[in-house]
PDB file of N, CA and C in Angstrom:
ATOM      1  N   MET A   1      12.964 -14.465  14.492  1.00  0.00           N
ATOM      2  CA  MET A   1      12.236 -13.713  13.473  1.00  0.00           C
ATOM      3  C   MET A   1      10.767 -14.124  13.503  1.00  0.00           C
ATOM      4  N   PRO A   2       9.849 -13.169  13.632  1.00  0.00           N
ATOM      5  CA  PRO A   2       8.429 -13.519  13.656  1.00  0.00           C
ATOM      6  C   PRO A   2       7.944 -13.981  12.285  1.00  0.00           C
ATOM      7  N   LYS A   3       6.859 -14.745  12.320  1.00  0.00           N
ATOM      8  CA  LYS A   3       6.265 -15.232  11.081  1.00  0.00           C
ATOM      9  C   LYS A   3       4.847 -14.687  10.970  1.00  0.00           C
ATOM     10  N   PRO A   4       4.404 -14.352   9.757  1.00  0.00           N
ATOM     11  CA  PRO A   4       3.027 -13.866   9.596  1.00  0.00           C
ATOM     12  C   PRO A   4       2.031 -14.991   9.817  1.00  0.00           C
ATOM     13  N   LEU A   5       0.809 -14.619  10.212  1.00  0.00           N
ATOM     14  CA  LEU A   5      -0.219 -15.632  10.432  1.00  0.00           C
ATOM     15  C   LEU A   5      -0.561 -16.349   9.139  1.00  0.00           C
ATOM     16  N   THR A   6      -0.787 -15.601   8.087  1.00  0.00           N
ATOM     17  CA  THR A   6      -1.024 -16.195   6.780  1.00  0.00           C
ATOM     18  C   THR A   6      -0.065 -15.550   5.789  1.00  0.00           C
ATOM     19  N   LYS A   7       0.449 -16.352   4.892  1.00  0.00           N
ATOM     20  CA  LYS A   7       1.363 -15.835   3.881  1.00  0.00           C
ATOM     21  C   LYS A   7       0.867 -16.272   2.508  1.00  0.00           C
ATOM     22  N   PRO A   8      -0.067 -15.497   1.928  1.00  0.00           N
ATOM     23  CA  PRO A   8      -0.540 -15.868   0.598  1.00  0.00           C
ATOM     24  C   PRO A   8       0.524 -15.582  -0.455  1.00  0.00           C
ATOM     25  N   THR A   9       0.487 -16.339  -1.526  1.00  0.00           N
ATOM     26  CA  THR A   9       1.465 -16.124  -2.592  1.00  0.00           C
ATOM     27  C   THR A   9       1.130 -14.841  -3.324  1.00  0.00           C
ATOM     28  N   ILE A  10       2.138 -13.999  -3.504  1.00  0.00           N
ATOM     29  CA  ILE A  10       1.954 -12.705  -4.162  1.00  0.00           C
ATOM     30  C   ILE A  10       2.118 -12.910  -5.661  1.00  0.00           C
ATOM     31  N   ILE A  11       1.068 -12.640  -6.415  1.00  0.00           N
ATOM     32  CA  ILE A  11       1.085 -12.798  -7.862  1.00  0.00           C
ATOM     33  C   ILE A  11       1.067 -11.422  -8.500  1.00  0.00           C
ATOM     34  N   LYS A  12       2.094 -11.140  -9.277  1.00  0.00           N
ATOM     35  CA  LYS A  12       2.165  -9.872 -10.001  1.00  0.00           C
ATOM     36  C   LYS A  12       1.676 -10.107 -11.422  1.00  0.00           C
ATOM     37  N   LYS A  13       0.733  -9.290 -11.874  1.00  0.00           N
ATOM     38  CA  LYS A  13       0.237  -9.444 -13.235  1.00  0.00           C
ATOM     39  C   LYS A  13       1.236  -8.932 -14.251  1.00  0.00           C
ATOM     40  N   ARG A  14       2.071  -7.982 -13.857  1.00  0.00           N
ATOM     41  CA  ARG A  14       3.109  -7.461 -14.745  1.00  0.00           C
ATOM     42  C   ARG A  14       4.303  -7.070 -13.900  1.00  0.00           C
ATOM     43  N   THR A  15       5.478  -7.558 -14.264  1.00  0.00           N
ATOM     44  CA  THR A  15       6.678  -7.251 -13.503  1.00  0.00           C
ATOM     45  C   THR A  15       7.522  -6.192 -14.206  1.00  0.00           C
ATOM     46  N   LYS A  16       7.380  -6.042 -15.528  1.00  0.00           N
ATOM     47  CA  LYS A  16       8.136  -5.011 -16.232  1.00  0.00           C
ATOM     48  C   LYS A  16       7.500  -3.650 -15.991  1.00  0.00           C
ATOM     49  N   LYS A  17       8.333  -2.613 -15.963  1.00  0.00           N
ATOM     50  CA  LYS A  17       7.814  -1.259 -15.787  1.00  0.00           C
ATOM     51  C   LYS A  17       7.238  -0.755 -17.102  1.00  0.00           C
ATOM     52  N   PHE A  18       6.285   0.152 -17.016  1.00  0.00           N
ATOM     53  CA  PHE A  18       5.733   0.775 -18.208  1.00  0.00           C
ATOM     54  C   PHE A  18       6.684   1.881 -18.645  1.00  0.00           C
ATOM     55  N   ARG A  19       7.253   1.728 -19.826  1.00  0.00           N
ATOM     56  CA  ARG A  19       8.213   2.692 -20.344  1.00  0.00           C
ATOM     57  C   ARG A  19       7.514   3.664 -21.279  1.00  0.00           C
ATOM     58  N   ARG A  20       8.044   4.860 -21.338  1.00  0.00           N
ATOM     59  CA  ARG A  20       7.457   5.895 -22.173  1.00  0.00           C
ATOM     60  C   ARG A  20       7.709   5.609 -23.646  1.00  0.00           C
ATOM     61  N   HIS A  21       6.735   5.936 -24.492  1.00  0.00           N
ATOM     62  CA  HIS A  21       6.840   5.722 -25.925  1.00  0.00           C
ATOM     63  C   HIS A  21       8.010   6.525 -26.491  1.00  0.00           C
ATOM     64  N   HIS A  22       8.838   5.884 -27.310  1.00  0.00           N
ATOM     65  CA  HIS A  22      10.027   6.458 -27.948  1.00  0.00           C
ATOM     66  C   HIS A  22      11.158   6.741 -26.967  1.00  0.00           C
ATOM     67  N   SER A  23      11.081   6.255 -25.726  1.00  0.00           N
ATOM     68  CA  SER A  23      12.196   6.476 -24.812  1.00  0.00           C
ATOM     69  C   SER A  23      13.398   5.632 -25.209  1.00  0.00           C
ATOM     70  N   ASP A  24      13.190   4.552 -25.937  1.00  0.00           N
ATOM     71  CA  ASP A  24      14.300   3.745 -26.416  1.00  0.00           C
ATOM     72  C   ASP A  24      14.881   4.309 -27.711  1.00  0.00           C
ATOM     73  N   ARG A  25      14.152   5.179 -28.363  1.00  0.00           N
ATOM     74  CA  ARG A  25      14.571   5.686 -29.667  1.00  0.00           C
ATOM     75  C   ARG A  25      15.354   6.997 -29.560  1.00  0.00           C
ATOM     76  N   TYR A  26      14.962   7.853 -28.631  1.00  0.00           N
ATOM     77  CA  TYR A  26      15.601   9.157 -28.486  1.00  0.00           C
ATOM     78  C   TYR A  26      16.155   9.308 -27.077  1.00  0.00           C
ATOM     79  N   ASP A  27      17.361   9.877 -26.971  1.00  0.00           N
ATOM     80  CA  ASP A  27      17.958  10.108 -25.653  1.00  0.00           C
ATOM     81  C   ASP A  27      17.276  11.256 -24.920  1.00  0.00           C
ATOM     82  N   ARG A  28      16.645  12.165 -25.644  1.00  0.00           N
ATOM     83  CA  ARG A  28      16.012  13.316 -24.996  1.00  0.00           C
ATOM     84  C   ARG A  28      14.682  12.952 -24.346  1.00  0.00           C
ATOM     85  N   VAL A  29      14.161  11.770 -24.628  1.00  0.00           N
ATOM     86  CA  VAL A  29      12.891  11.334 -24.041  1.00  0.00           C
ATOM     87  C   VAL A  29      13.205  10.405 -22.881  1.00  0.00           C
ATOM     88  N   PRO A  30      12.899  10.796 -21.641  1.00  0.00           N
ATOM     89  CA  PRO A  30      13.202   9.921 -20.501  1.00  0.00           C
ATOM     90  C   PRO A  30      12.257   8.730 -20.436  1.00  0.00           C
ATOM     91  N   GLU A  31      12.597   7.754 -19.581  1.00  0.00           N
ATOM     92  CA  GLU A  31      11.815   6.526 -19.503  1.00  0.00           C
ATOM     93  C   GLU A  31      10.573   6.663 -18.635  1.00  0.00           C
ATOM     94  N   SER A  32      10.446   7.743 -17.876  1.00  0.00           N
ATOM     95  CA  SER A  32       9.300   7.876 -16.978  1.00  0.00           C
ATOM     96  C   SER A  32       7.998   7.944 -17.788  1.00  0.00           C
ATOM     97  N   TRP A  33       6.980   7.252 -17.318  1.00  0.00           N
ATOM     98  CA  TRP A  33       5.759   7.072 -18.078  1.00  0.00           C
ATOM     99  C   TRP A  33       4.999   8.383 -18.267  1.00  0.00           C
ATOM    100  N   ARG A  34       4.584   8.640 -19.499  1.00  0.00           N
ATOM    101  CA  ARG A  34       3.661   9.724 -19.837  1.00  0.00           C
ATOM    102  C   ARG A  34       2.643   9.147 -20.803  1.00  0.00           C
ATOM    103  N   ARG A  35       1.398   9.424 -20.570  1.00  0.00           N
ATOM    104  CA  ARG A  35       0.362   8.895 -21.443  1.00  0.00           C
ATOM    105  C   ARG A  35       0.380   9.623 -22.778  1.00  0.00           C
ATOM    106  N   GLN A  36       0.165   8.874 -23.859  1.00  0.00           N
ATOM    107  CA  GLN A  36       0.112   9.443 -25.190  1.00  0.00           C
ATOM    108  C   GLN A  36      -1.243  10.092 -25.411  1.00  0.00           C
ATOM    109  N   ARG A  37      -1.239  11.351 -25.884  1.00  0.00           N
ATOM    110  CA  ARG A  37      -2.489  12.084 -26.063  1.00  0.00           C
ATOM    111  C   ARG A  37      -2.657  12.623 -27.477  1.00  0.00           C
ATOM    112  N   GLY A  38      -1.793  12.238 -28.394  1.00  0.00           N
ATOM    113  CA  GLY A  38      -1.894  12.738 -29.753  1.00  0.00           C
ATOM    114  C   GLY A  38      -3.089  12.158 -30.489  1.00  0.00           C
ATOM    115  N   ILE A  39      -3.621  12.903 -31.454  1.00  0.00           N
ATOM    116  CA  ILE A  39      -4.818  12.435 -32.149  1.00  0.00           C
ATOM    117  C   ILE A  39      -4.514  11.256 -33.062  1.00  0.00           C
ATOM    118  N   ASP A  40      -3.284  11.137 -33.540  1.00  0.00           N
ATOM    119  CA  ASP A  40      -2.911  10.039 -34.425  1.00  0.00           C
ATOM    120  C   ASP A  40      -2.021   9.008 -33.742  1.00  0.00           C
ATOM    121  N   SER A  41      -1.894   9.055 -32.438  1.00  0.00           N
ATOM    122  CA  SER A  41      -0.948   8.193 -31.735  1.00  0.00           C
ATOM    123  C   SER A  41      -1.366   6.729 -31.838  1.00  0.00           C
ATOM    124  N   CYS A  42      -0.426   5.902 -32.336  1.00  0.00           N
ATOM    125  CA  CYS A  42      -0.719   4.471 -32.461  1.00  0.00           C
ATOM    126  C   CYS A  42      -0.741   3.793 -31.094  1.00  0.00           C
ATOM    127  N   VAL A  43      -0.037   4.354 -30.112  1.00  0.00           N
ATOM    128  CA  VAL A  43      -0.055   3.777 -28.771  1.00  0.00           C
ATOM    129  C   VAL A  43      -1.396   4.060 -28.101  1.00  0.00           C
ATOM    130  N   ARG A  44      -1.877   5.288 -28.208  1.00  0.00           N
ATOM    131  CA  ARG A  44      -3.164   5.629 -27.595  1.00  0.00           C
ATOM    132  C   ARG A  44      -4.305   4.863 -28.247  1.00  0.00           C
ATOM    133  N   ARG A  45      -4.215   4.649 -29.557  1.00  0.00           N
ATOM    134  CA  ARG A  45      -5.265   3.930 -30.282  1.00  0.00           C
ATOM    135  C   ARG A  45      -5.132   2.424 -30.152  1.00  0.00           C
ATOM    136  N   LYS A  46      -4.077   1.946 -29.446  1.00  0.00           N
ATOM    137  CA  LYS A  46      -3.869   0.536 -29.119  1.00  0.00           C
ATOM    138  C   LYS A  46      -3.749  -0.332 -30.364  1.00  0.00           C
ATOM    139  N   PHE A  47      -2.898   0.117 -31.281  1.00  0.00           N
ATOM    140  CA  PHE A  47      -2.612  -0.708 -32.455  1.00  0.00           C
ATOM    141  C   PHE A  47      -1.763  -1.905 -32.044  1.00  0.00           C
ATOM    142  N   ARG A  48      -1.888  -2.982 -32.797  1.00  0.00           N
ATOM    143  CA  ARG A  48      -1.176  -4.209 -32.489  1.00  0.00           C
ATOM    144  C   ARG A  48       0.329  -4.008 -32.659  1.00  0.00           C
ATOM    145  N   GLY A  49       1.116  -4.553 -31.731  1.00  0.00           N
ATOM    146  CA  GLY A  49       2.567  -4.465 -31.813  1.00  0.00           C
ATOM    147  C   GLY A  49       3.162  -3.271 -31.106  1.00  0.00           C
ATOM    148  N   ASN A  50       2.356  -2.418 -30.507  1.00  0.00           N
ATOM    149  CA  ASN A  50       2.873  -1.254 -29.793  1.00  0.00           C
ATOM    150  C   ASN A  50       2.923  -1.528 -28.297  1.00  0.00           C
ATOM    151  N   ILE A  51       3.502  -0.569 -27.551  1.00  0.00           N
ATOM    152  CA  ILE A  51       3.654  -0.758 -26.108  1.00  0.00           C
ATOM    153  C   ILE A  51       2.289  -0.752 -25.441  1.00  0.00           C
ATOM    154  N   ARG A  52       2.217  -1.385 -24.274  1.00  0.00           N
ATOM    155  CA  ARG A  52       0.968  -1.488 -23.534  1.00  0.00           C
ATOM    156  C   ARG A  52       0.757  -0.247 -22.679  1.00  0.00           C
ATOM    157  N   LEU A  53      -0.504   0.108 -22.481  1.00  0.00           N
ATOM    158  CA  LEU A  53      -0.864   1.210 -21.608  1.00  0.00           C
ATOM    159  C   LEU A  53      -1.200   0.670 -20.225  1.00  0.00           C
ATOM    160  N   PRO A  54      -0.811   1.387 -19.161  1.00  0.00           N
ATOM    161  CA  PRO A  54      -1.244   0.949 -17.838  1.00  0.00           C
ATOM    162  C   PRO A  54      -2.737   1.142 -17.680  1.00  0.00           C
ATOM    163  N   ASN A  55      -3.410   0.159 -17.119  1.00  0.00           N
ATOM    164  CA  ASN A  55      -4.840   0.287 -16.838  1.00  0.00           C
ATOM    165  C   ASN A  55      -5.179  -0.491 -15.578  1.00  0.00           C
ATOM    166  N   ILE A  56      -6.424  -0.429 -15.181  1.00  0.00           N
ATOM    167  CA  ILE A  56      -6.859  -0.966 -13.894  1.00  0.00           C
ATOM    168  C   ILE A  56      -6.720  -2.478 -13.830  1.00  0.00           C
ATOM    169  N   GLY A  57      -6.655  -3.141 -14.958  1.00  0.00           N
ATOM    170  CA  GLY A  57      -6.550  -4.592 -14.976  1.00  0.00           C
ATOM    171  C   GLY A  57      -5.221  -5.118 -14.478  1.00  0.00           C
ATOM    172  N   TYR A  58      -4.200  -4.279 -14.399  1.00  0.00           N
ATOM    173  CA  TYR A  58      -2.908  -4.701 -13.899  1.00  0.00           C
ATOM    174  C   TYR A  58      -2.807  -4.578 -12.384  1.00  0.00           C
ATOM    175  N   GLY A  59      -3.866  -4.199 -11.708  1.00  0.00           N
ATOM    176  CA  GLY A  59      -3.818  -4.004 -10.266  1.00  0.00           C
ATOM    177  C   GLY A  59      -3.569  -5.292  -9.507  1.00  0.00           C
ATOM    178  N   SER A  60      -3.031  -5.169  -8.302  1.00  0.00           N
ATOM    179  CA  SER A  60      -2.717  -6.321  -7.474  1.00  0.00           C
ATOM    180  C   SER A  60      -3.956  -6.800  -6.719  1.00  0.00           C
ATOM    181  N   ASN A  61      -3.849  -8.011  -6.205  1.00  0.00           N
ATOM    182  CA  ASN A  61      -4.899  -8.567  -5.371  1.00  0.00           C
ATOM    183  C   ASN A  61      -5.020  -7.744  -4.089  1.00  0.00           C
ATOM    184  N   LYS A  62      -6.237  -7.516  -3.632  1.00  0.00           N
ATOM    185  CA  LYS A  62      -6.443  -6.651  -2.464  1.00  0.00           C
ATOM    186  C   LYS A  62      -5.785  -7.226  -1.211  1.00  0.00           C
ATOM    187  N   THR A  63      -5.737  -8.546  -1.089  1.00  0.00           N
ATOM    188  CA  THR A  63      -5.155  -9.137   0.120  1.00  0.00           C
ATOM    189  C   THR A  63      -3.634  -9.091   0.114  1.00  0.00           C
ATOM    190  N   THR A  64      -3.007  -8.990  -1.060  1.00  0.00           N
ATOM    191  CA  THR A  64      -1.547  -8.979  -1.111  1.00  0.00           C
ATOM    192  C   THR A  64      -0.984  -7.633  -1.518  1.00  0.00           C
ATOM    193  N   ARG A  65      -1.827  -6.617  -1.670  1.00  0.00           N
ATOM    194  CA  ARG A  65      -1.343  -5.300  -2.091  1.00  0.00           C
ATOM    195  C   ARG A  65      -0.511  -4.659  -0.982  1.00  0.00           C
ATOM    196  N   HIS A  66       0.599  -4.045  -1.331  1.00  0.00           N
ATOM    197  CA  HIS A  66       1.540  -3.368  -0.422  1.00  0.00           C
ATOM    198  C   HIS A  66       2.214  -4.331   0.544  1.00  0.00           C
ATOM    199  N   ARG A  67       2.181  -5.622   0.274  1.00  0.00           N
ATOM    200  CA  ARG A  67       2.792  -6.595   1.171  1.00  0.00           C
ATOM    201  C   ARG A  67       4.209  -6.894   0.728  1.00  0.00           C
ATOM    202  N   MET A  68       5.115  -7.051   1.677  1.00  0.00           N
ATOM    203  CA  MET A  68       6.490  -7.392   1.353  1.00  0.00           C
ATOM    204  C   MET A  68       6.589  -8.894   1.119  1.00  0.00           C
ATOM    205  N   PRO A  69       7.657  -9.365   0.477  1.00  0.00           N
ATOM    206  CA  PRO A  69       7.786 -10.803   0.235  1.00  0.00           C
ATOM    207  C   PRO A  69       7.812 -11.647   1.504  1.00  0.00           C
ATOM    208  N   SER A  70       8.163 -11.043   2.644  1.00  0.00           N
ATOM    209  CA  SER A  70       8.162 -11.793   3.902  1.00  0.00           C
ATOM    210  C   SER A  70       6.757 -12.054   4.419  1.00  0.00           C
ATOM    211  N   GLY A  71       5.747 -11.351   3.889  1.00  0.00           N
ATOM    212  CA  GLY A  71       4.375 -11.542   4.333  1.00  0.00           C
ATOM    213  C   GLY A  71       3.869 -10.442   5.234  1.00  0.00           C
ATOM    214  N   PHE A  72       4.737  -9.504   5.610  1.00  0.00           N
ATOM    215  CA  PHE A  72       4.356  -8.407   6.487  1.00  0.00           C
ATOM    216  C   PHE A  72       4.160  -7.122   5.692  1.00  0.00           C
ATOM    217  N   TYR A  73       3.483  -6.157   6.326  1.00  0.00           N
ATOM    218  CA  TYR A  73       3.351  -4.817   5.767  1.00  0.00           C
ATOM    219  C   TYR A  73       4.423  -3.924   6.376  1.00  0.00           C
ATOM    220  N   LYS A  74       4.902  -2.971   5.609  1.00  0.00           N
ATOM    221  CA  LYS A  74       5.899  -2.034   6.122  1.00  0.00           C
ATOM    222  C   LYS A  74       5.181  -0.814   6.685  1.00  0.00           C
ATOM    223  N   PHE A  75       5.467  -0.474   7.931  1.00  0.00           N
ATOM    224  CA  PHE A  75       4.900   0.726   8.540  1.00  0.00           C
ATOM    225  C   PHE A  75       5.826   1.210   9.643  1.00  0.00           C
ATOM    226  N   VAL A  76       5.654   2.459  10.014  1.00  0.00           N
ATOM    227  CA  VAL A  76       6.512   3.098  11.007  1.00  0.00           C
ATOM    228  C   VAL A  76       5.739   3.217  12.313  1.00  0.00           C
ATOM    229  N   VAL A  77       6.352   2.796  13.412  1.00  0.00           N
ATOM    230  CA  VAL A  77       5.757   2.935  14.737  1.00  0.00           C
ATOM    231  C   VAL A  77       6.406   4.134  15.401  1.00  0.00           C
ATOM    232  N   SER A  78       5.603   5.154  15.745  1.00  0.00           N
ATOM    233  CA  SER A  78       6.174   6.358  16.325  1.00  0.00           C
ATOM    234  C   SER A  78       5.793   6.558  17.786  1.00  0.00           C
ATOM    235  N   ASN A  79       4.950   5.682  18.357  1.00  0.00           N
ATOM    236  CA  ASN A  79       4.555   5.843  19.760  1.00  0.00           C
ATOM    237  C   ASN A  79       4.955   4.609  20.566  1.00  0.00           C
ATOM    238  N   LYS A  80       6.191   4.220  20.420  1.00  0.00           N
ATOM    239  CA  LYS A  80       6.687   3.027  21.088  1.00  0.00           C
ATOM    240  C   LYS A  80       6.732   3.224  22.595  1.00  0.00           C
ATOM    241  N   LYS A  81       6.177   2.283  23.337  1.00  0.00           N
ATOM    242  CA  LYS A  81       6.201   2.338  24.785  1.00  0.00           C
ATOM    243  C   LYS A  81       7.254   1.391  25.318  1.00  0.00           C
ATOM    244  N   THR A  82       7.923   1.789  26.399  1.00  0.00           N
ATOM    245  CA  THR A  82       8.885   0.897  27.051  1.00  0.00           C
ATOM    246  C   THR A  82       8.302   0.485  28.390  1.00  0.00           C
ATOM    247  N   HIS A  83       8.349  -0.795  28.655  1.00  0.00           N
ATOM    248  CA  HIS A  83       7.818  -1.319  29.921  1.00  0.00           C
ATOM    249  C   HIS A  83       8.915  -1.652  30.867  1.00  0.00           C
TER     250      HIS A  83
END
């Protein structure tokens, strides 16, 4: 098994998924994220004690983004040559 040249530790700022507001309260509301856009929405207004909104601050480190835990990137090779 090959080893990567460098294997930096991958730090995730958030491991839980962002769940949709009221998806735990009503069965008709799925868990897939939708941003709150209501004029009185406590989630959009970021009141204390409500769910968090996804924003740019949760982004991954540029050197470890899209990297697998083994240290490699996943990609497809379609022009394989045989010698």
